[in-house]
C-alpha atoms as a PDB file:
ATOM      1  CA  MET A   1      -0.781  -7.031  -5.386  1.00  0.00           C
ATOM      2  CA  GLU A   2       0.185  -9.984  -6.362  1.00  0.00           C
ATOM      3  CA  LEU A   3       1.957 -10.644  -3.343  1.00  0.00           C
ATOM      4  CA  VAL A   4      -1.151 -10.100  -1.385  1.00  0.00           C
ATOM      5  CA  LYS A   5      -3.213 -12.268  -3.632  1.00  0.00           C
ATOM      6  CA  SER A   6      -0.193 -15.436  -3.574  1.00  0.00           C
ATOM      7  CA  LEU A   7      -0.877 -15.385   0.455  1.00  0.00           C
ATOM      8  CA  ASP A   8      -3.633 -17.701   1.306  1.00  0.00           C
ATOM      9  CA  PHE A   9      -4.578 -16.374   4.664  1.00  0.00           C
ATOM     10  CA  ILE A  10      -5.775 -12.807   2.974  1.00  0.00           C
ATOM     11  CA  SER A  11      -8.837 -12.558   1.046  1.00  0.00           C
ATOM     12  CA  VAL A  12      -8.997  -9.486  -1.035  1.00  0.00           C
ATOM     13  CA  VAL A  13     -12.162  -7.458  -0.677  1.00  0.00           C
ATOM     14  CA  LYS A  14     -13.804  -5.870  -3.745  1.00  0.00           C
ATOM     15  CA  GLU A  15     -16.371  -3.990  -2.205  1.00  0.00           C
ATOM     16  CA  VAL A  16     -16.326  -2.525   1.352  1.00  0.00           C
ATOM     17  CA  LYS A  17     -19.384  -0.362   2.864  1.00  0.00           C
ATOM     18  CA  ASP A  18     -17.618   1.237   5.638  1.00  0.00           C
ATOM     19  CA  GLU A  19     -15.776   4.359   4.904  1.00  0.00           C
ATOM     20  CA  LYS A  20     -12.928   4.209   6.886  1.00  0.00           C
ATOM     21  CA  LYS A  21     -12.292   0.675   6.077  1.00  0.00           C
ATOM     22  CA  SER A  22     -12.626   1.345   2.318  1.00  0.00           C
ATOM     23  CA  GLU A  23     -10.134   4.539   2.978  1.00  0.00           C
ATOM     24  CA  PHE A  24      -7.495   2.142   4.904  1.00  0.00           C
ATOM     25  CA  ILE A  25      -7.616  -0.519   1.866  1.00  0.00           C
ATOM     26  CA  SER A  26      -7.564   2.363  -0.613  1.00  0.00           C
ATOM     27  CA  ASP A  27      -4.351   3.736   1.152  1.00  0.00           C
ATOM     28  CA  LEU A  28      -2.748   0.409   1.721  1.00  0.00           C
ATOM     29  CA  ALA A  29      -3.229  -0.333  -2.098  1.00  0.00           C
ATOM     30  CA  GLU A  30      -1.345   2.658  -2.814  1.00  0.00           C
ATOM     31  CA  ALA A  31       1.145   1.862  -0.504  1.00  0.00           C
ATOM     32  CA  PHE A  32       1.635  -1.662  -2.072  1.00  0.00           C
ATOM     33  CA  ASN A  33       1.855   0.028  -5.354  1.00  0.00           C
ATOM     34  CA  ASP A  34       4.253   2.594  -4.514  1.00  0.00           C
ATOM     35  CA  VAL A  35       6.523  -0.085  -3.579  1.00  0.00           C
ATOM     36  CA  LYS A  36       6.153  -2.060  -6.447  1.00  0.00           C
ATOM     37  CA  LEU A  37       6.902   1.019  -8.440  1.00  0.00           C
ATOM     38  CA  TYR A  38      10.227   1.592  -6.302  1.00  0.00           C
ATOM     39  CA  GLU A  39      11.376  -1.751  -6.723  1.00  0.00           C
ATOM     40  CA  GLN A  40      10.927  -0.986 -10.487  1.00  0.00           C
ATOM     41  CA  GLY A  41      13.120   1.805 -10.041  1.00  0.00           C
ATOM     42  CA  LYS A  42      10.008   4.051 -11.711  1.00  0.00           C
ATOM     43  CA  LYS A  43       9.649   6.233  -7.797  1.00  0.00           C
ATOM     44  CA  LYS A  44      11.912   7.411  -5.121  1.00  0.00           C
ATOM     45  CA  LEU A  45      10.769   7.013  -1.665  1.00  0.00           C
ATOM     46  CA  LYS A  46      11.436   9.250   1.164  1.00  0.00           C
ATOM     47  CA  SER A  47      14.005   7.784   3.459  1.00  0.00           C
ATOM     48  CA  ALA A  48      12.783   7.122   7.236  1.00  0.00           C
ATOM     49  CA  LYS A  49      14.828  10.286   8.235  1.00  0.00           C
ATOM     50  CA  ASP A  50      13.134  12.384   6.161  1.00  0.00           C
ATOM     51  CA  LEU A  51       9.693  11.111   7.137  1.00  0.00           C
ATOM     52  CA  LEU A  52      10.502  11.818  10.482  1.00  0.00           C
ATOM     53  CA  SER A  53      11.780  15.227  10.392  1.00  0.00           C
ATOM     54  CA  GLU A  54       8.333  16.061   8.542  1.00  0.00           C
ATOM     55  CA  LEU A  55       6.716  15.051  11.711  1.00  0.00           C
END
């Protein structure tokens, strides 16, 4: 989230009334959090190969 806030061309929206947009933003924030936890060694993420095999 710190990275997103540091980018001057991105503004952080606090409230979104469109349900689909709100869900997308929530999912994106969760993905950023997962990456942060991965970088800290607190979470293991699936490899691209594992992800594709699930499809």
